[in-house]
Protein backbone atom coordinates (compact mmCIF):
# COMPACT_ATOMS: atom_id res chain seq x y z
CA MET A 1 -0.05 -0.08 -0.05
CA ILE A 2 2.71 2.52 0.94
CA SER A 3 4.77 1.46 -2.10
CA GLN A 4 1.76 2.15 -4.44
CA LEU A 5 1.47 5.60 -2.88
CA PHE A 6 5.16 6.17 -3.21
CA ASP A 7 5.00 4.98 -6.86
CA ALA A 8 2.09 7.27 -7.59
CA VAL A 9 3.93 10.37 -6.44
CA PHE A 10 7.67 9.63 -7.21
CA GLY A 11 7.54 6.36 -9.09
CA CYS A 12 8.69 5.10 -12.46
CA ARG A 13 6.40 5.55 -15.55
CA HIS A 14 7.43 2.04 -16.76
CA ALA A 15 8.11 3.16 -20.33
CA HIS A 16 10.88 0.70 -21.39
CA TYR A 17 10.14 -3.21 -21.04
CA SER A 18 12.12 -6.10 -21.74
CA PHE A 19 10.92 -8.92 -24.02
CA PRO A 20 8.17 -10.97 -22.41
CA ILE A 21 9.41 -13.78 -20.34
CA THR A 22 7.26 -17.02 -19.88
CA VAL A 23 8.02 -19.38 -16.94
CA ARG A 24 7.32 -22.97 -17.09
CA LYS A 25 6.65 -23.68 -13.37
CA ASN A 26 4.25 -21.67 -11.04
CA ARG A 27 6.12 -18.83 -9.53
CA ARG A 28 5.19 -16.01 -7.07
CA GLY A 29 5.32 -12.54 -8.20
CA ALA A 30 4.32 -11.03 -11.51
CA SER A 31 4.24 -14.23 -13.49
CA ALA A 32 1.87 -15.80 -10.94
CA ILE A 33 -1.06 -13.94 -12.64
CA THR A 34 -0.59 -14.77 -16.35
CA GLY A 35 2.50 -17.08 -16.53
CA THR A 36 4.30 -14.28 -18.41
CA TYR A 37 6.02 -11.03 -17.30
CA VAL A 38 8.07 -8.25 -18.47
CA VAL A 39 10.75 -6.27 -16.59
CA CYS A 40 10.83 -2.45 -16.49
CA LEU A 41 14.27 -1.51 -17.88
CA ASP A 42 14.32 1.65 -15.59
CA CYS A 43 13.45 0.35 -12.25
CA SER A 44 13.67 -3.45 -12.51
CA ARG A 45 10.15 -4.12 -11.52
CA GLU A 46 8.53 -7.26 -12.85
CA LEU A 47 4.97 -6.58 -14.40
CA PRO A 48 2.53 -9.40 -15.56
CA TYR A 49 2.05 -9.47 -19.20
CA ASP A 50 -0.83 -10.96 -21.13
CA TRP A 51 0.06 -12.56 -24.53
CA LYS A 52 -3.50 -12.64 -25.82
CA GLU A 53 -3.90 -8.90 -25.27
CA MET A 54 -0.30 -8.00 -25.87
CA LYS A 55 0.07 -5.66 -22.97
CA VAL A 56 0.88 -5.37 -19.35
CA VAL A 57 -2.20 -6.20 -17.13
CA SER A 58 -3.09 -5.12 -13.68
CA GLY A 59 -2.13 -7.17 -10.48
CA GLN A 60 -5.55 -8.83 -10.26
CA ARG A 61 -6.62 -12.13 -11.86
CA GLN A 62 -9.20 -11.71 -14.54
CA ASN A 63 -11.69 -14.44 -15.44
CA HIS A 64 -13.13 -14.20 -19.14
CA PRO A 65 -16.52 -16.11 -19.10
CA VAL A 66 -17.24 -14.64 -22.63
CA GLY A 67 -14.56 -16.83 -24.18
CA SER A 68 -16.23 -19.90 -22.91
CA LEU A 69 -19.66 -18.75 -24.09
CA ALA A 70 -18.23 -18.17 -27.44
CA THR A 71 -17.07 -21.78 -27.54
CA LYS A 72 -20.47 -23.03 -26.65
CA GLU A 73 -22.23 -21.10 -29.43
CA ALA A 74 -19.75 -22.27 -32.07
CA ALA A 75 -20.34 -25.87 -31.25
């Protein structure tokens, strides 16, 4: 909580990223959300990355029930 406030006031803009890295085994941290993460090259922070959306995602898990509905309709 305090780190988020500090980042909001003085933090990094995370403008420069590494190439997305996918880990094989479950891991804590940024890759725990999507299995893939990028690293900010300015501050070295790991950020979760979504390959399907091709963007950095927030720290919360997101369920997409629409994808499962589309599969049922197509069948």
